[in-house]
Every structure is written in structure tokens, then in C-alpha cells.
Amino acid sequence: MQRITTFWKSIIRTCRDKRITTPEMILIGAIIISLSILAHGVLIRNTVLKELSGYLQGVPNVQNSPTPFTGKAPGENEYVSGPRDNDVFVIEYSDTECPYCLSLYPTLDLLQQQYKDKITFIYRHFPLTSKHPGAFPEAVAITCAGNIGGEKRYYDYMNAMLSYKYNKNVTTISEAERISFATNLGIDKTAFTACLQSQDVANAVEASITDGLQAGVKGTPATYVVLKTKNGYEVVAMLDGAQPYDLFKVAIDEALSR
């Protein structure tokens, strides 16, 4: 940056010596400032991406030796958002009352919009009941929406709940609100209310927690970028916590390039 600054100073000195008029100097100055900002922005952007790429080298598994994904195979008896025959999956283990999960929500939503059918997103439940007692019944509610309304309603309900919490800046909701999310999506209220008491659905949420533990989840959100290979499913990157957009993008692009 010091060399760039010196370069611009030499130009200004030359213009002054040649008796450039004030309006011309203003115009030249504006161009210089614009180019400086652009150059500075490019340098910063490249530095950030370089640091992100370097960071990923220490995250399982942006490295030469493959790391198998030890959770349940993507799409196996579960609801997914995106084509089931994709090779790249983004699997999030999440807690609906976790503030970090809520702060990550718009990032993952944006990534889904941008990558569209190139990746398949999977939302798995990992309620931390000792800290967030409402997270388990909310996971049950999301599962019930899927069981009654199908795969699309699973994600419609999840998005309705998380976007509401994010926009209202709240982490907890009432049972009445859980039911209202369902009815607003056209899900039968009687069937939904009965499903909330289902032991089978509660068992499914428990199974998701067990699956998360097998995958190596220690907290939420825990997001895995997983690649399907001829040898099974490999972890390209495990992103722990509410990581920035650029970090997810580097991981996903790495998976798509393989």
C-alpha cells in the first residue's frame, strides 16, 4: 500500500508542476481516490480469501487425506432441500433456541438461494435441552410439519420459525405460536396438535441427536460440507459455530471443484 500511495503522490506532483487547472486537478483527484479505494478493496478481499483458505486447511477435511463422514448418510430416511442425487451436501445440526444458530440462519439461507440445485441442504435436529428446554418440542414441531405435509412443509415450517425468531430477535416461542406456524402453512391443526404428543416423533428427534454425536457434534450450530465419492461420503469441511459467509463459500466451492 505504501508503494501505491507513493505512486499517486508522484502523479499529483507532476500535475502541479505542469500547472494543471483547479477543475482538472479535482477531476484527477477524484479518479485517483476511486482507483485507490478499488485497489485497496481488491487487496483486502484477496487477503481475506487467502486467510479463509488457510483456515480451511486446518478444518476437516480440506486436505489430501479423506475424512469419512460418520453421521447418517445424507438423504437416508430424512427430509432434504434440493436434489437427492447431488454429490455435495451441506448438513447442519442445529438447535432452534441457540442464538448462534439463529445468527447463522440468513447465511445458510443466502447460500441455498445462490447455489440453488448445485448443493443439497439438510437440517438435522440437535437440541441442547439442558440449556434450551424449548428446542426439543420445536424440533418435534418441525418434524411433525414434515410428517403431515411432506418434505417441502418440513422446510417451510423450519424457515417460518427461524425467520420469525431472527426478525423478532427472540429465541423462544409459545406452543400456540408453534401451532400457528403450522396452520398458516395449511397443515391441519388437529393432526398437528396430535403429532406434537407422538412418542415416535420424539424418538426421531432423539435419533437425530445420537446421529449428531456419531458425526462428532459437540455444540451448535455444527455444519458439515459433505462430498459423495465412490468410497462413500467424505467431509470437505466442518464449520463449527456461526462462521462467516466467505468461509462457507470457500468450503462449498472446494467441494464442487472435486
Protein backbone atom coordinates (compact mmCIF):
# COMPACT_ATOMS: atom_id res chain seq x y z
CA MET A 1 0.00 0.00 0.00
CA GLN A 2 2.93 2.36 0.68
CA ARG A 3 4.14 1.94 -2.91
CA ILE A 4 0.65 2.74 -4.24
CA THR A 5 0.49 5.89 -2.12
CA THR A 6 3.93 7.00 -3.33
CA PHE A 7 2.84 6.42 -6.93
CA TRP A 8 -0.23 8.64 -6.58
CA LYS A 9 1.82 11.38 -4.87
CA SER A 10 4.23 11.43 -7.79
CA ILE A 11 1.32 11.90 -10.21
CA ILE A 12 -0.07 14.80 -8.19
CA ARG A 13 3.38 16.43 -8.06
CA THR A 14 3.72 16.11 -11.84
CA CYS A 15 0.30 17.64 -12.44
CA ARG A 16 1.11 20.56 -10.16
CA ASP A 17 4.42 21.26 -11.89
CA LYS A 18 2.63 21.35 -15.26
CA ARG A 19 0.19 23.96 -13.93
CA ILE A 20 -2.96 21.84 -14.28
CA THR A 21 -6.09 23.94 -13.62
CA THR A 22 -8.05 23.51 -10.39
CA PRO A 23 -11.09 21.78 -12.02
CA GLU A 24 -8.76 19.41 -13.81
CA MET A 25 -6.96 18.69 -10.54
CA ILE A 26 -10.30 17.96 -8.83
CA LEU A 27 -11.24 15.55 -11.60
CA ILE A 28 -7.87 13.82 -11.46
CA GLY A 29 -8.07 13.68 -7.68
CA ALA A 30 -11.49 12.02 -7.83
CA ILE A 31 -10.16 9.42 -10.25
CA ILE A 32 -7.13 8.80 -8.04
CA ILE A 33 -9.28 8.33 -4.94
CA SER A 34 -11.64 5.95 -6.74
CA LEU A 35 -8.79 3.85 -8.08
CA SER A 36 -7.10 3.81 -4.68
CA ILE A 37 -10.26 2.58 -2.97
CA LEU A 38 -10.73 -0.07 -5.64
CA ALA A 39 -7.12 -1.24 -5.37
CA HIS A 40 -7.32 -1.24 -1.58
CA GLY A 41 -10.57 -3.22 -1.68
CA VAL A 42 -9.09 -5.82 -4.01
CA LEU A 43 -6.07 -6.21 -1.77
CA ILE A 44 -8.24 -6.63 1.31
CA ARG A 45 -10.59 -9.08 -0.44
CA ASN A 46 -7.71 -11.22 -1.67
CA THR A 47 -6.13 -11.17 1.77
CA VAL A 48 -9.38 -12.25 3.40
CA LEU A 49 -9.93 -15.11 0.95
CA LYS A 50 -6.32 -16.19 1.39
CA GLU A 51 -6.77 -16.26 5.15
CA LEU A 52 -10.03 -18.18 4.80
CA SER A 53 -8.40 -20.75 2.54
CA GLY A 54 -5.57 -21.07 5.03
CA TYR A 55 -8.04 -21.50 7.86
CA LEU A 56 -9.81 -24.28 6.00
CA GLN A 57 -6.55 -26.24 5.77
CA GLY A 58 -6.95 -26.87 9.48
CA VAL A 59 -10.61 -27.86 9.27
CA PRO A 60 -11.57 -31.47 8.48
CA ASN A 61 -11.22 -32.17 5.63
CA VAL A 62 -9.68 -29.63 3.30
CA GLN A 63 -6.57 -31.72 2.89
CA ASN A 64 -5.25 -34.58 0.81
CA SER A 65 -6.29 -37.48 3.05
CA PRO A 66 -10.08 -38.02 3.02
CA THR A 67 -12.06 -37.95 6.25
CA PRO A 68 -15.21 -40.10 6.19
CA PHE A 69 -18.46 -38.57 7.34
CA THR A 70 -19.50 -40.61 10.39
CA GLY A 71 -23.07 -39.34 10.60
CA LYS A 72 -26.04 -40.88 8.83
CA ALA A 73 -25.72 -40.98 5.04
CA PRO A 74 -27.26 -37.83 3.53
CA GLY A 75 -30.87 -38.30 2.46
CA GLU A 76 -31.33 -41.58 4.31
CA ASN A 77 -34.88 -41.56 5.72
CA GLU A 78 -34.91 -37.79 6.15
CA TYR A 79 -36.16 -34.59 4.56
CA VAL A 80 -33.79 -32.71 2.28
CA SER A 81 -33.88 -29.37 0.48
CA GLY A 82 -32.50 -29.85 -3.01
CA PRO A 83 -31.87 -32.76 -5.39
CA ARG A 84 -31.25 -36.07 -3.67
CA ASP A 85 -28.82 -37.17 -6.36
CA ASN A 86 -26.37 -34.31 -5.75
CA ASP A 87 -22.77 -35.00 -4.80
CA VAL A 88 -22.40 -32.04 -2.42
CA PHE A 89 -24.43 -31.77 0.77
CA VAL A 90 -24.49 -29.11 3.48
CA ILE A 91 -25.68 -30.74 6.68
CA GLU A 92 -26.50 -28.53 9.63
CA TYR A 93 -27.02 -29.90 13.14
CA SER A 94 -28.97 -27.18 14.88
CA ASP A 95 -30.86 -26.07 17.97
CA THR A 96 -33.79 -23.73 17.31
CA GLU A 97 -33.24 -21.81 20.55
CA CYS A 98 -29.49 -21.43 20.06
CA PRO A 99 -28.66 -17.75 19.38
CA TYR A 100 -25.66 -18.70 17.22
CA CYS A 101 -27.87 -20.97 15.12
CA LEU A 102 -30.28 -18.10 14.59
CA SER A 103 -27.47 -15.73 13.59
CA LEU A 104 -26.27 -18.32 11.05
CA TYR A 105 -29.75 -18.77 9.54
CA PRO A 106 -29.60 -15.91 6.96
CA THR A 107 -26.13 -17.03 5.83
CA LEU A 108 -27.27 -20.56 5.05
CA ASP A 109 -30.48 -19.26 3.50
CA LEU A 110 -28.45 -16.99 1.19
CA LEU A 111 -26.13 -19.84 0.22
CA GLN A 112 -29.12 -22.01 -0.72
CA GLN A 113 -30.51 -19.24 -2.89
CA GLN A 114 -27.18 -18.65 -4.62
CA TYR A 115 -26.15 -22.25 -5.24
CA LYS A 116 -29.69 -23.46 -5.90
CA ASP A 117 -29.67 -27.06 -7.18
CA LYS A 118 -25.88 -27.38 -7.10
CA ILE A 119 -25.96 -28.33 -3.43
CA THR A 120 -28.45 -30.12 -1.19
CA PHE A 121 -29.14 -28.70 2.26
CA ILE A 122 -30.14 -30.93 5.19
CA TYR A 123 -31.39 -29.62 8.52
CA ARG A 124 -30.88 -32.08 11.40
CA HIS A 125 -32.01 -31.60 14.97
CA PHE A 126 -29.55 -31.33 17.83
CA PRO A 127 -31.46 -29.62 20.65
CA LEU A 128 -29.33 -28.80 23.69
CA THR A 129 -32.11 -29.44 26.19
CA SER A 130 -30.07 -28.59 29.28
CA LYS A 131 -29.68 -25.01 28.02
CA HIS A 132 -32.69 -24.63 25.74
CA PRO A 133 -35.71 -26.56 27.05
CA GLY A 134 -37.96 -25.36 24.22
CA ALA A 135 -35.66 -26.62 21.48
CA PHE A 136 -36.80 -30.24 21.74
CA PRO A 137 -40.55 -29.55 21.34
CA GLU A 138 -39.70 -27.16 18.50
CA ALA A 139 -37.73 -29.94 16.78
CA VAL A 140 -40.77 -32.15 17.25
CA ALA A 141 -42.97 -29.46 15.67
CA ILE A 142 -40.71 -29.16 12.61
CA THR A 143 -40.70 -32.95 12.22
CA CYS A 144 -44.49 -33.07 12.54
CA ALA A 145 -44.84 -30.48 9.78
CA GLY A 146 -42.86 -32.81 7.53
CA ASN A 147 -44.66 -35.95 8.60
CA ILE A 148 -48.05 -34.40 7.87
CA GLY A 149 -47.30 -32.04 4.99
CA GLY A 150 -44.33 -33.71 3.34
CA GLU A 151 -40.74 -32.71 2.64
CA LYS A 152 -41.50 -29.18 1.45
CA ARG A 153 -43.56 -28.39 4.53
CA TYR A 154 -40.71 -29.57 6.77
CA TYR A 155 -38.50 -26.82 5.37
CA ASP A 156 -41.33 -24.31 5.01
CA TYR A 157 -42.08 -24.70 8.71
CA MET A 158 -38.42 -24.57 9.71
CA ASN A 159 -37.91 -21.40 7.67
CA ALA A 160 -41.08 -19.82 9.06
CA MET A 161 -39.96 -20.45 12.63
CA LEU A 162 -36.33 -19.38 12.22
CA SER A 163 -37.08 -16.29 10.13
CA TYR A 164 -39.69 -15.21 12.69
CA LYS A 165 -37.21 -15.59 15.54
CA TYR A 166 -34.42 -13.88 13.62
CA ASN A 167 -36.57 -10.91 12.59
CA LYS A 168 -38.12 -10.54 16.05
CA ASN A 169 -34.77 -11.11 17.78
CA VAL A 170 -36.22 -13.77 20.06
CA THR A 171 -35.10 -17.33 20.81
CA THR A 172 -38.25 -18.77 22.39
CA ILE A 173 -41.84 -19.11 21.20
CA SER A 174 -45.03 -20.44 22.75
CA GLU A 175 -46.87 -23.65 21.86
CA ALA A 176 -49.65 -21.52 20.40
CA GLU A 177 -47.12 -19.92 18.06
CA ARG A 178 -45.83 -23.35 17.03
CA ILE A 179 -49.35 -24.34 16.10
CA SER A 180 -49.98 -21.07 14.27
CA PHE A 181 -46.92 -21.62 12.05
CA ALA A 182 -48.46 -24.94 11.01
CA THR A 183 -51.95 -23.63 10.32
CA ASN A 184 -50.53 -20.69 8.35
CA LEU A 185 -48.92 -23.29 6.08
CA GLY A 186 -52.22 -25.11 5.61
CA ILE A 187 -51.37 -28.00 7.93
CA ASP A 188 -54.38 -29.48 9.69
CA LYS A 189 -54.46 -28.17 13.27
CA THR A 190 -55.98 -31.32 14.80
CA ALA A 191 -53.46 -33.63 13.14
CA PHE A 192 -50.58 -31.34 14.02
CA THR A 193 -51.58 -30.98 17.67
CA ALA A 194 -51.88 -34.76 17.99
CA CYS A 195 -48.49 -35.24 16.34
CA LEU A 196 -46.84 -32.99 18.91
CA GLN A 197 -47.61 -35.67 21.51
CA SER A 198 -46.29 -38.55 19.39
CA GLN A 199 -43.62 -40.70 21.01
CA ASP A 200 -42.46 -41.84 17.57
CA VAL A 201 -41.66 -38.26 16.61
CA ALA A 202 -39.87 -37.68 19.91
CA ASN A 203 -37.84 -40.81 19.22
CA ALA A 204 -36.94 -39.47 15.78
CA VAL A 205 -35.55 -36.28 17.35
CA GLU A 206 -33.59 -38.38 19.85
CA ALA A 207 -32.20 -40.40 16.95
CA SER A 208 -31.07 -37.16 15.29
CA ILE A 209 -29.19 -36.21 18.46
CA THR A 210 -27.50 -39.62 18.51
CA ASP A 211 -26.59 -39.21 14.85
CA GLY A 212 -25.04 -35.82 15.61
CA LEU A 213 -22.91 -37.32 18.37
CA GLN A 214 -21.74 -40.02 15.96
CA ALA A 215 -20.83 -37.30 13.45
CA GLY A 216 -18.74 -35.55 16.09
CA VAL A 217 -21.05 -32.66 17.01
CA LYS A 218 -20.09 -31.01 20.29
CA GLY A 219 -22.17 -27.84 20.03
CA THR A 220 -24.47 -25.93 17.73
CA PRO A 221 -24.54 -24.94 15.03
CA ALA A 222 -22.31 -27.62 13.52
CA THR A 223 -22.31 -27.65 9.74
CA TYR A 224 -20.68 -30.26 7.53
CA VAL A 225 -19.88 -29.82 3.86
CA VAL A 226 -20.00 -33.40 2.62
CA LEU A 227 -18.98 -34.85 -0.73
CA LYS A 228 -20.28 -38.11 -2.20
CA THR A 229 -17.46 -40.22 -3.66
CA LYS A 230 -17.11 -43.75 -4.95
CA ASN A 231 -15.94 -44.72 -1.46
CA GLY A 232 -18.85 -43.15 0.40
CA TYR A 233 -19.27 -39.71 1.93
CA GLU A 234 -16.31 -37.52 2.85
CA VAL A 235 -16.14 -34.38 4.97
CA VAL A 236 -14.76 -31.48 2.95
CA ALA A 237 -15.12 -29.09 5.89
CA MET A 238 -16.72 -28.98 9.30
CA LEU A 239 -17.71 -25.42 10.23
CA ASP A 240 -18.28 -25.03 13.94
CA GLY A 241 -20.43 -22.13 15.07
CA ALA A 242 -21.84 -19.15 13.15
CA GLN A 243 -18.98 -18.80 10.68
CA PRO A 244 -18.95 -16.02 8.04
CA TYR A 245 -20.39 -16.37 4.56
CA ASP A 246 -16.97 -16.36 2.84
CA LEU A 247 -15.83 -19.37 4.84
CA PHE A 248 -18.86 -21.39 3.78
CA LYS A 249 -18.39 -20.29 0.18
CA VAL A 250 -14.76 -21.43 0.11
CA ALA A 251 -15.75 -24.81 1.56
CA ILE A 252 -18.65 -25.33 -0.85
CA ASP A 253 -16.63 -24.23 -3.87
CA GLU A 254 -13.87 -26.63 -2.83
CA ALA A 255 -16.38 -29.48 -2.67
CA LEU A 256 -17.87 -28.60 -6.06
CA SER A 257 -14.41 -28.49 -7.63
CA ARG A 258 -13.57 -32.05 -6.66
